[in-house]
PDB file of all heavy atoms in Angstrom:
ATOM      1  N   ARG A   1      20.849  -6.292 -14.561  1.00  0.00           N
ATOM      2  CA  ARG A   1      20.235  -6.159 -15.842  1.00  0.00           C
ATOM      3  C   ARG A   1      18.602  -6.262 -15.713  1.00  0.00           C
ATOM      4  O   ARG A   1      17.970  -5.534 -16.387  1.00  0.00           O
ATOM      5  CB  ARG A   1      20.837  -7.265 -16.708  1.00  0.00           C
ATOM      6  CG  ARG A   1      20.329  -7.189 -18.101  1.00  0.00           C
ATOM      7  CD  ARG A   1      21.078  -8.145 -18.942  1.00  0.00           C
ATOM      8  NE  ARG A   1      20.707  -8.352 -20.344  1.00  0.00           N
ATOM      9  CZ  ARG A   1      20.997  -7.589 -21.260  1.00  0.00           C
ATOM     10  NH1 ARG A   1      21.815  -6.593 -21.115  1.00  0.00           N
ATOM     11  NH2 ARG A   1      20.593  -7.854 -22.575  1.00  0.00           N
ATOM     12  N   HIS A   2      18.149  -7.251 -14.906  1.00  0.00           N
ATOM     13  CA  HIS A   2      16.666  -7.582 -15.026  1.00  0.00           C
ATOM     14  C   HIS A   2      15.846  -6.976 -13.949  1.00  0.00           C
ATOM     15  O   HIS A   2      14.651  -6.940 -13.925  1.00  0.00           O
ATOM     16  CB  HIS A   2      16.471  -9.039 -15.296  1.00  0.00           C
ATOM     17  CG  HIS A   2      16.911  -9.518 -16.567  1.00  0.00           C
ATOM     18  ND1 HIS A   2      16.354  -9.247 -17.784  1.00  0.00           N
ATOM     19  CD2 HIS A   2      18.174 -10.232 -16.868  1.00  0.00           C
ATOM     20  CE1 HIS A   2      17.082  -9.907 -18.779  1.00  0.00           C
ATOM     21  NE2 HIS A   2      18.115 -10.385 -18.245  1.00  0.00           N
ATOM     22  N   LEU A   3      16.544  -6.602 -12.728  1.00  0.00           N
ATOM     23  CA  LEU A   3      15.693  -6.137 -11.619  1.00  0.00           C
ATOM     24  C   LEU A   3      15.833  -4.689 -11.563  1.00  0.00           C
ATOM     25  O   LEU A   3      15.356  -3.972 -10.582  1.00  0.00           O
ATOM     26  CB  LEU A   3      16.182  -6.812 -10.339  1.00  0.00           C
ATOM     27  CG  LEU A   3      15.948  -8.160 -10.157  1.00  0.00           C
ATOM     28  CD1 LEU A   3      16.272  -8.806  -8.815  1.00  0.00           C
ATOM     29  CD2 LEU A   3      14.239  -8.538 -10.321  1.00  0.00           C
ATOM     30  N   ALA A   4      16.474  -4.018 -12.550  1.00  0.00           N
ATOM     31  CA  ALA A   4      16.597  -2.568 -12.545  1.00  0.00           C
ATOM     32  C   ALA A   4      15.222  -1.859 -12.726  1.00  0.00           C
ATOM     33  O   ALA A   4      15.012  -0.804 -12.187  1.00  0.00           O
ATOM     34  CB  ALA A   4      17.508  -2.143 -13.683  1.00  0.00           C
ATOM     35  N   SER A   5      14.340  -2.481 -13.407  1.00  0.00           N
ATOM     36  CA  SER A   5      13.099  -1.929 -13.789  1.00  0.00           C
ATOM     37  C   SER A   5      11.913  -2.700 -13.328  1.00  0.00           C
ATOM     38  O   SER A   5      10.720  -2.346 -13.511  1.00  0.00           O
ATOM     39  CB  SER A   5      12.893  -1.671 -15.366  1.00  0.00           C
ATOM     40  OG  SER A   5      13.079  -2.862 -15.985  1.00  0.00           O
ATOM     41  N   MET A   6      12.097  -3.815 -12.588  1.00  0.00           N
ATOM     42  CA  MET A   6      11.024  -4.478 -11.999  1.00  0.00           C
ATOM     43  C   MET A   6      11.300  -4.985 -10.612  1.00  0.00           C
ATOM     44  O   MET A   6      12.507  -5.147 -10.281  1.00  0.00           O
ATOM     45  CB  MET A   6      10.540  -5.719 -12.835  1.00  0.00           C
ATOM     46  CG  MET A   6      11.403  -6.203 -13.882  1.00  0.00           C
ATOM     47  SD  MET A   6      10.553  -7.617 -14.773  1.00  0.00           S
ATOM     48  CE  MET A   6       9.283  -6.812 -15.585  1.00  0.00           C
ATOM     49  N   THR A   7      10.280  -5.166  -9.855  1.00  0.00           N
ATOM     50  CA  THR A   7      10.442  -5.634  -8.437  1.00  0.00           C
ATOM     51  C   THR A   7      10.573  -7.169  -8.447  1.00  0.00           C
ATOM     52  O   THR A   7      10.199  -7.923  -9.331  1.00  0.00           O
ATOM     53  CB  THR A   7       9.267  -5.214  -7.623  1.00  0.00           C
ATOM     54  OG1 THR A   7       8.112  -5.943  -8.090  1.00  0.00           O
ATOM     55  CG2 THR A   7       8.980  -3.728  -7.691  1.00  0.00           C
ATOM     56  N   PHE A   8      11.111  -7.623  -7.311  1.00  0.00           N
ATOM     57  CA  PHE A   8      11.272  -9.088  -7.047  1.00  0.00           C
ATOM     58  C   PHE A   8       9.929  -9.709  -7.099  1.00  0.00           C
ATOM     59  O   PHE A   8       9.702 -10.810  -7.744  1.00  0.00           O
ATOM     60  CB  PHE A   8      11.870  -9.318  -5.700  1.00  0.00           C
ATOM     61  CG  PHE A   8      12.083 -10.765  -5.360  1.00  0.00           C
ATOM     62  CD1 PHE A   8      13.279 -11.377  -5.799  1.00  0.00           C
ATOM     63  CD2 PHE A   8      11.007 -11.519  -4.676  1.00  0.00           C
ATOM     64  CE1 PHE A   8      13.364 -12.766  -5.454  1.00  0.00           C
ATOM     65  CE2 PHE A   8      11.254 -12.813  -4.395  1.00  0.00           C
ATOM     66  CZ  PHE A   8      12.464 -13.411  -4.803  1.00  0.00           C
ATOM     67  N   SER A   9       8.849  -9.074  -6.601  1.00  0.00           N
ATOM     68  CA  SER A   9       7.436  -9.743  -6.580  1.00  0.00           C
ATOM     69  C   SER A   9       6.973  -9.817  -8.081  1.00  0.00           C
ATOM     70  O   SER A   9       6.298 -10.794  -8.352  1.00  0.00           O
ATOM     71  CB  SER A   9       6.410  -8.881  -5.762  1.00  0.00           C
ATOM     72  OG  SER A   9       6.835  -8.787  -4.455  1.00  0.00           O
ATOM     73  N   GLU A  10       7.204  -8.786  -8.939  1.00  0.00           N
ATOM     74  CA  GLU A  10       6.865  -8.965 -10.328  1.00  0.00           C
ATOM     75  C   GLU A  10       7.539 -10.154 -10.990  1.00  0.00           C
ATOM     76  O   GLU A  10       6.869 -10.721 -11.788  1.00  0.00           O
ATOM     77  CB  GLU A  10       7.099  -7.649 -11.030  1.00  0.00           C
ATOM     78  CG  GLU A  10       6.233  -6.433 -10.647  1.00  0.00           C
ATOM     79  CD  GLU A  10       6.578  -5.141 -11.259  1.00  0.00           C
ATOM     80  OE1 GLU A  10       7.981  -4.962 -11.377  1.00  0.00           O
ATOM     81  OE2 GLU A  10       5.793  -4.327 -11.509  1.00  0.00           O
ATOM     82  N   VAL A  11       8.780 -10.342 -10.744  1.00  0.00           N
ATOM     83  CA  VAL A  11       9.515 -11.433 -11.394  1.00  0.00           C
ATOM     84  C   VAL A  11       9.067 -12.735 -10.730  1.00  0.00           C
ATOM     85  O   VAL A  11       8.911 -13.676 -11.466  1.00  0.00           O
ATOM     86  CB  VAL A  11      11.064 -11.299 -11.125  1.00  0.00           C
ATOM     87  CG1 VAL A  11      11.734 -12.519 -11.595  1.00  0.00           C
ATOM     88  CG2 VAL A  11      11.581  -9.948 -11.851  1.00  0.00           C
ATOM     89  N   ARG A  12       8.745 -12.716  -9.452  1.00  0.00           N
ATOM     90  CA  ARG A  12       8.201 -13.969  -8.916  1.00  0.00           C
ATOM     91  C   ARG A  12       6.877 -14.392  -9.551  1.00  0.00           C
ATOM     92  O   ARG A  12       6.631 -15.522  -9.836  1.00  0.00           O
ATOM     93  CB  ARG A  12       8.005 -13.815  -7.463  1.00  0.00           C
ATOM     94  CG  ARG A  12       7.628 -15.075  -6.643  1.00  0.00           C
ATOM     95  CD  ARG A  12       6.045 -15.068  -6.384  1.00  0.00           C
ATOM     96  NE  ARG A  12       5.667 -13.921  -5.752  1.00  0.00           N
ATOM     97  CZ  ARG A  12       4.286 -13.562  -5.598  1.00  0.00           C
ATOM     98  NH1 ARG A  12       3.434 -14.212  -6.193  1.00  0.00           N
ATOM     99  NH2 ARG A  12       4.086 -12.533  -4.887  1.00  0.00           N
ATOM    100  N   ARG A  13       6.030 -13.394  -9.770  1.00  0.00           N
ATOM    101  CA  ARG A  13       4.639 -13.708 -10.487  1.00  0.00           C
ATOM    102  C   ARG A  13       4.901 -14.206 -11.811  1.00  0.00           C
ATOM    103  O   ARG A  13       4.161 -15.258 -12.325  1.00  0.00           O
ATOM    104  CB  ARG A  13       3.717 -12.496 -10.209  1.00  0.00           C
ATOM    105  CG  ARG A  13       3.151 -12.102  -9.062  1.00  0.00           C
ATOM    106  CD  ARG A  13       2.138 -11.252  -9.079  1.00  0.00           C
ATOM    107  NE  ARG A  13       2.488  -9.958  -9.635  1.00  0.00           N
ATOM    108  CZ  ARG A  13       2.973  -8.798  -8.861  1.00  0.00           C
ATOM    109  NH1 ARG A  13       2.986  -9.042  -7.610  1.00  0.00           N
ATOM    110  NH2 ARG A  13       3.274  -7.803  -9.401  1.00  0.00           N
ATOM    111  N   ALA A  14       5.802 -13.663 -12.516  1.00  0.00           N
ATOM    112  CA  ALA A  14       6.083 -13.967 -13.875  1.00  0.00           C
ATOM    113  C   ALA A  14       6.692 -15.461 -13.882  1.00  0.00           C
ATOM    114  O   ALA A  14       6.394 -16.227 -14.823  1.00  0.00           O
ATOM    115  CB  ALA A  14       7.076 -13.085 -14.579  1.00  0.00           C
ATOM    116  N   LEU A  15       7.503 -15.778 -12.875  1.00  0.00           N
ATOM    117  CA  LEU A  15       8.139 -17.078 -12.874  1.00  0.00           C
ATOM    118  C   LEU A  15       6.958 -18.094 -12.646  1.00  0.00           C
ATOM    119  O   LEU A  15       6.980 -19.263 -13.284  1.00  0.00           O
ATOM    120  CB  LEU A  15       9.143 -17.114 -11.787  1.00  0.00           C
ATOM    121  CG  LEU A  15       9.817 -18.514 -11.451  1.00  0.00           C
ATOM    122  CD1 LEU A  15      10.420 -19.037 -12.713  1.00  0.00           C
ATOM    123  CD2 LEU A  15      10.778 -18.360 -10.324  1.00  0.00           C
ATOM    124  N   GLN A  16       6.060 -17.798 -11.744  1.00  0.00           N
ATOM    125  CA  GLN A  16       4.910 -18.797 -11.502  1.00  0.00           C
ATOM    126  C   GLN A  16       4.189 -18.910 -12.883  1.00  0.00           C
ATOM    127  O   GLN A  16       3.660 -20.082 -13.157  1.00  0.00           O
ATOM    128  CB  GLN A  16       4.068 -18.218 -10.412  1.00  0.00           C
ATOM    129  CG  GLN A  16       4.717 -18.339  -9.082  1.00  0.00           C
ATOM    130  CD  GLN A  16       3.869 -17.617  -7.999  1.00  0.00           C
ATOM    131  OE1 GLN A  16       3.392 -16.503  -8.050  1.00  0.00           O
ATOM    132  NE2 GLN A  16       3.736 -18.287  -6.827  1.00  0.00           N
ATOM    133  N   ALA A  17       3.944 -17.913 -13.563  1.00  0.00           N
ATOM    134  CA  ALA A  17       3.201 -17.960 -14.897  1.00  0.00           C
ATOM    135  C   ALA A  17       4.037 -18.859 -15.768  1.00  0.00           C
ATOM    136  O   ALA A  17       3.482 -19.690 -16.478  1.00  0.00           O
ATOM    137  CB  ALA A  17       2.964 -16.648 -15.504  1.00  0.00           C
ATOM    138  N   LEU A  18       5.411 -18.773 -15.892  1.00  0.00           N
ATOM    139  CA  LEU A  18       6.182 -19.484 -16.780  1.00  0.00           C
ATOM    140  C   LEU A  18       6.095 -20.910 -16.465  1.00  0.00           C
ATOM    141  O   LEU A  18       6.064 -21.894 -17.254  1.00  0.00           O
ATOM    142  CB  LEU A  18       7.650 -18.988 -16.633  1.00  0.00           C
ATOM    143  CG  LEU A  18       8.189 -18.011 -17.789  1.00  0.00           C
ATOM    144  CD1 LEU A  18       9.651 -17.815 -17.451  1.00  0.00           C
ATOM    145  CD2 LEU A  18       8.044 -18.596 -19.011  1.00  0.00           C
ATOM    146  N   SER A  19       6.148 -21.175 -15.141  1.00  0.00           N
ATOM    147  CA  SER A  19       6.235 -22.542 -14.593  1.00  0.00           C
ATOM    148  C   SER A  19       4.830 -23.264 -14.970  1.00  0.00           C
ATOM    149  O   SER A  19       4.840 -24.394 -15.376  1.00  0.00           O
ATOM    150  CB  SER A  19       6.449 -22.569 -13.104  1.00  0.00           C
ATOM    151  OG  SER A  19       6.404 -24.000 -12.605  1.00  0.00           O
ATOM    152  N   THR A  20       3.759 -22.532 -14.819  1.00  0.00           N
ATOM    153  CA  THR A  20       2.499 -23.115 -15.333  1.00  0.00           C
ATOM    154  C   THR A  20       2.363 -23.427 -16.745  1.00  0.00           C
ATOM    155  O   THR A  20       2.023 -24.495 -17.108  1.00  0.00           O
ATOM    156  CB  THR A  20       1.317 -22.107 -14.929  1.00  0.00           C
ATOM    157  OG1 THR A  20       1.311 -21.783 -13.577  1.00  0.00           O
ATOM    158  CG2 THR A  20      -0.120 -22.559 -15.458  1.00  0.00           C
ATOM    159  N   TRP A  21       2.875 -22.582 -17.556  1.00  0.00           N
ATOM    160  CA  TRP A  21       2.990 -22.887 -19.018  1.00  0.00           C
ATOM    161  C   TRP A  21       3.785 -24.116 -19.289  1.00  0.00           C
ATOM    162  O   TRP A  21       3.298 -25.043 -19.995  1.00  0.00           O
ATOM    163  CB  TRP A  21       3.616 -21.680 -19.784  1.00  0.00           C
ATOM    164  CG  TRP A  21       2.671 -20.606 -20.124  1.00  0.00           C
ATOM    165  CD1 TRP A  21       2.637 -19.346 -19.737  1.00  0.00           C
ATOM    166  CD2 TRP A  21       1.560 -20.781 -21.054  1.00  0.00           C
ATOM    167  NE1 TRP A  21       1.565 -18.707 -20.185  1.00  0.00           N
ATOM    168  CE2 TRP A  21       0.839 -19.488 -21.110  1.00  0.00           C
ATOM    169  CE3 TRP A  21       1.129 -21.696 -21.906  1.00  0.00           C
ATOM    170  CZ2 TRP A  21      -0.163 -19.289 -21.931  1.00  0.00           C
ATOM    171  CZ3 TRP A  21      -0.037 -21.495 -22.693  1.00  0.00           C
ATOM    172  CH2 TRP A  21      -0.703 -20.354 -22.909  1.00  0.00           C
ATOM    173  N   TYR A  22       5.021 -24.215 -18.609  1.00  0.00           N
ATOM    174  CA  TYR A  22       5.833 -25.363 -19.092  1.00  0.00           C
ATOM    175  C   TYR A  22       5.376 -26.685 -18.426  1.00  0.00           C
ATOM    176  O   TYR A  22       5.426 -27.723 -19.039  1.00  0.00           O
ATOM    177  CB  TYR A  22       7.286 -25.094 -18.513  1.00  0.00           C
ATOM    178  CG  TYR A  22       8.087 -24.056 -19.294  1.00  0.00           C
ATOM    179  CD1 TYR A  22       8.653 -23.039 -18.762  1.00  0.00           C
ATOM    180  CD2 TYR A  22       8.221 -24.490 -20.635  1.00  0.00           C
ATOM    181  CE1 TYR A  22       9.418 -22.101 -19.615  1.00  0.00           C
ATOM    182  CE2 TYR A  22       9.022 -23.556 -21.488  1.00  0.00           C
ATOM    183  CZ  TYR A  22       9.634 -22.433 -20.826  1.00  0.00           C
ATOM    184  OH  TYR A  22      10.367 -21.741 -21.729  1.00  0.00           O
ATOM    185  N   VAL A  23       4.685 -26.616 -17.269  1.00  0.00           N
ATOM    186  CA  VAL A  23       4.272 -27.923 -16.622  1.00  0.00           C
ATOM    187  C   VAL A  23       2.793 -28.412 -16.938  1.00  0.00           C
ATOM    188  O   VAL A  23       2.584 -29.444 -17.208  1.00  0.00           O
ATOM    189  CB  VAL A  23       4.558 -27.740 -15.076  1.00  0.00           C
ATOM    190  CG1 VAL A  23       4.029 -29.022 -14.459  1.00  0.00           C
ATOM    191  CG2 VAL A  23       6.071 -27.423 -14.714  1.00  0.00           C
ATOM    192  N   GLU A  24       1.967 -27.322 -16.790  1.00  0.00           N
ATOM    193  CA  GLU A  24       0.504 -27.621 -17.069  1.00  0.00           C
ATOM    194  C   GLU A  24      -0.065 -27.328 -18.410  1.00  0.00           C
ATOM    195  O   GLU A  24      -1.028 -27.984 -18.744  1.00  0.00           O
ATOM    196  CB  GLU A  24      -0.250 -26.934 -15.741  1.00  0.00           C
ATOM    197  CG  GLU A  24       0.144 -27.230 -14.549  1.00  0.00           C
ATOM    198  CD  GLU A  24      -0.471 -26.420 -13.450  1.00  0.00           C
ATOM    199  OE1 GLU A  24      -1.426 -25.826 -13.755  1.00  0.00           O
ATOM    200  OE2 GLU A  24       0.051 -26.409 -12.395  1.00  0.00           O
ATOM    201  N   ARG A  25       0.431 -26.410 -19.042  1.00  0.00           N
ATOM    202  CA  ARG A  25      -0.251 -25.936 -20.215  1.00  0.00           C
ATOM    203  C   ARG A  25       0.666 -26.059 -21.490  1.00  0.00           C
ATOM    204  O   ARG A  25       0.429 -25.257 -22.460  1.00  0.00           O
ATOM    205  CB  ARG A  25      -0.712 -24.585 -20.099  1.00  0.00           C
ATOM    206  CG  ARG A  25      -1.598 -24.222 -18.815  1.00  0.00           C
ATOM    207  CD  ARG A  25      -2.053 -22.877 -18.682  1.00  0.00           C
ATOM    208  NE  ARG A  25      -2.853 -22.338 -19.848  1.00  0.00           N
ATOM    209  CZ  ARG A  25      -3.123 -21.045 -19.938  1.00  0.00           C
ATOM    210  NH1 ARG A  25      -2.830 -20.182 -19.109  1.00  0.00           N
ATOM    211  NH2 ARG A  25      -3.823 -20.685 -20.989  1.00  0.00           N
ATOM    212  N   ARG A  26       1.585 -26.883 -21.480  1.00  0.00           N
ATOM    213  CA  ARG A  26       2.566 -26.946 -22.680  1.00  0.00           C
ATOM    214  C   ARG A  26       1.933 -27.315 -24.035  1.00  0.00           C
ATOM    215  O   ARG A  26       2.319 -26.724 -24.966  1.00  0.00           O
ATOM    216  CB  ARG A  26       3.561 -28.079 -22.365  1.00  0.00           C
ATOM    217  CG  ARG A  26       4.649 -28.306 -23.391  1.00  0.00           C
ATOM    218  CD  ARG A  26       5.737 -29.354 -22.977  1.00  0.00           C
ATOM    219  NE  ARG A  26       6.579 -28.725 -21.969  1.00  0.00           N
ATOM    220  CZ  ARG A  26       7.727 -28.077 -22.274  1.00  0.00           C
ATOM    221  NH1 ARG A  26       8.008 -27.821 -23.541  1.00  0.00           N
ATOM    222  NH2 ARG A  26       8.493 -27.614 -21.315  1.00  0.00           N
ATOM    223  N   ARG A  27       0.860 -28.029 -24.006  1.00  0.00           N
ATOM    224  CA  ARG A  27       0.146 -28.421 -25.168  1.00  0.00           C
ATOM    225  C   ARG A  27      -0.513 -27.246 -25.750  1.00  0.00           C
ATOM    226  O   ARG A  27      -0.881 -27.227 -27.085  1.00  0.00           O
ATOM    227  CB  ARG A  27      -0.726 -29.629 -25.024  1.00  0.00           C
ATOM    228  CG  ARG A  27      -0.006 -30.887 -24.713  1.00  0.00           C
ATOM    229  CD  ARG A  27      -0.941 -32.096 -24.695  1.00  0.00           C
ATOM    230  NE  ARG A  27      -0.276 -33.297 -24.394  1.00  0.00           N
ATOM    231  CZ  ARG A  27      -0.877 -34.591 -24.252  1.00  0.00           C
ATOM    232  NH1 ARG A  27      -2.206 -34.587 -24.436  1.00  0.00           N
ATOM    233  NH2 ARG A  27      -0.164 -35.655 -24.023  1.00  0.00           N
ATOM    234  N   GLU A  28      -0.964 -26.276 -25.047  1.00  0.00           N
ATOM    235  CA  GLU A  28      -1.535 -25.019 -25.525  1.00  0.00           C
ATOM    236  C   GLU A  28      -0.622 -24.069 -25.897  1.00  0.00           C
ATOM    237  O   GLU A  28      -1.063 -23.040 -26.571  1.00  0.00           O
ATOM    238  CB  GLU A  28      -2.355 -24.433 -24.315  1.00  0.00           C
ATOM    239  CG  GLU A  28      -3.436 -25.394 -23.712  1.00  0.00           C
ATOM    240  CD  GLU A  28      -4.134 -24.736 -22.592  1.00  0.00           C
ATOM    241  OE1 GLU A  28      -4.378 -23.488 -22.459  1.00  0.00           O
ATOM    242  OE2 GLU A  28      -4.300 -25.457 -21.491  1.00  0.00           O
ATOM    243  N   MET A  29       0.610 -24.205 -25.605  1.00  0.00           N
ATOM    244  CA  MET A  29       1.631 -23.227 -25.841  1.00  0.00           C
ATOM    245  C   MET A  29       1.902 -22.920 -27.369  1.00  0.00           C
ATOM    246  O   MET A  29       2.213 -23.879 -28.064  1.00  0.00           O
ATOM    247  CB  MET A  29       3.019 -23.547 -25.164  1.00  0.00           C
ATOM    248  CG  MET A  29       3.919 -22.461 -24.981  1.00  0.00           C
ATOM    249  SD  MET A  29       5.139 -22.850 -23.621  1.00  0.00           S
ATOM    250  CE  MET A  29       5.806 -24.404 -24.261  1.00  0.00           C
ATOM    251  N   LYS A  30       1.766 -21.653 -27.633  1.00  0.00           N
ATOM    252  CA  LYS A  30       2.119 -21.235 -29.079  1.00  0.00           C
ATOM    253  C   LYS A  30       3.557 -20.665 -29.148  1.00  0.00           C
ATOM    254  O   LYS A  30       4.072 -20.299 -28.029  1.00  0.00           O
ATOM    255  CB  LYS A  30       1.169 -20.209 -29.526  1.00  0.00           C
ATOM    256  CG  LYS A  30      -0.255 -20.659 -29.534  1.00  0.00           C
ATOM    257  CD  LYS A  30      -1.212 -19.530 -29.956  1.00  0.00           C
ATOM    258  CE  LYS A  30      -2.627 -20.030 -30.054  1.00  0.00           C
ATOM    259  NZ  LYS A  30      -3.597 -18.923 -30.369  1.00  0.00           N
ATOM    260  N   PRO A  31       4.236 -20.619 -30.309  1.00  0.00           N
ATOM    261  CA  PRO A  31       5.590 -20.318 -30.309  1.00  0.00           C
ATOM    262  C   PRO A  31       5.680 -18.758 -29.825  1.00  0.00           C
ATOM    263  O   PRO A  31       4.895 -17.916 -30.119  1.00  0.00           O
ATOM    264  CB  PRO A  31       5.902 -20.266 -31.915  1.00  0.00           C
ATOM    265  CG  PRO A  31       4.988 -21.353 -32.342  1.00  0.00           C
ATOM    266  CD  PRO A  31       3.704 -21.299 -31.638  1.00  0.00           C
ATOM    267  N   GLY A  32       6.606 -18.602 -28.933  1.00  0.00           N
ATOM    268  CA  GLY A  32       6.798 -17.318 -28.414  1.00  0.00           C
ATOM    269  C   GLY A  32       6.062 -16.948 -27.168  1.00  0.00           C
ATOM    270  O   GLY A  32       6.438 -15.927 -26.442  1.00  0.00           O
ATOM    271  N   THR A  33       5.019 -17.766 -26.729  1.00  0.00           N
ATOM    272  CA  THR A  33       4.255 -17.607 -25.533  1.00  0.00           C
ATOM    273  C   THR A  33       5.013 -17.434 -24.280  1.00  0.00           C
ATOM    274  O   THR A  33       4.813 -16.538 -23.485  1.00  0.00           O
ATOM    275  CB  THR A  33       3.150 -18.662 -25.359  1.00  0.00           C
ATOM    276  OG1 THR A  33       2.326 -18.631 -26.621  1.00  0.00           O
ATOM    277  CG2 THR A  33       2.431 -18.444 -24.151  1.00  0.00           C
ATOM    278  N   PRO A  34       6.010 -18.312 -23.980  1.00  0.00           N
ATOM    279  CA  PRO A  34       6.765 -18.192 -22.790  1.00  0.00           C
ATOM    280  C   PRO A  34       7.542 -16.892 -22.518  1.00  0.00           C
ATOM    281  O   PRO A  34       7.766 -16.419 -21.405  1.00  0.00           O
ATOM    282  CB  PRO A  34       7.701 -19.405 -22.834  1.00  0.00           C
ATOM    283  CG  PRO A  34       7.234 -20.343 -23.834  1.00  0.00           C
ATOM    284  CD  PRO A  34       6.466 -19.454 -24.709  1.00  0.00           C
TER     285      PRO A  34
END
């Protein structure tokens, strides 16, 4: 479902961005940002 239109590397980079939001920038997070 989710790798049909994106590469593993693209998902990996997005996962790193998500992890940064959740761990380091949670207080800056606006609704819908993740």
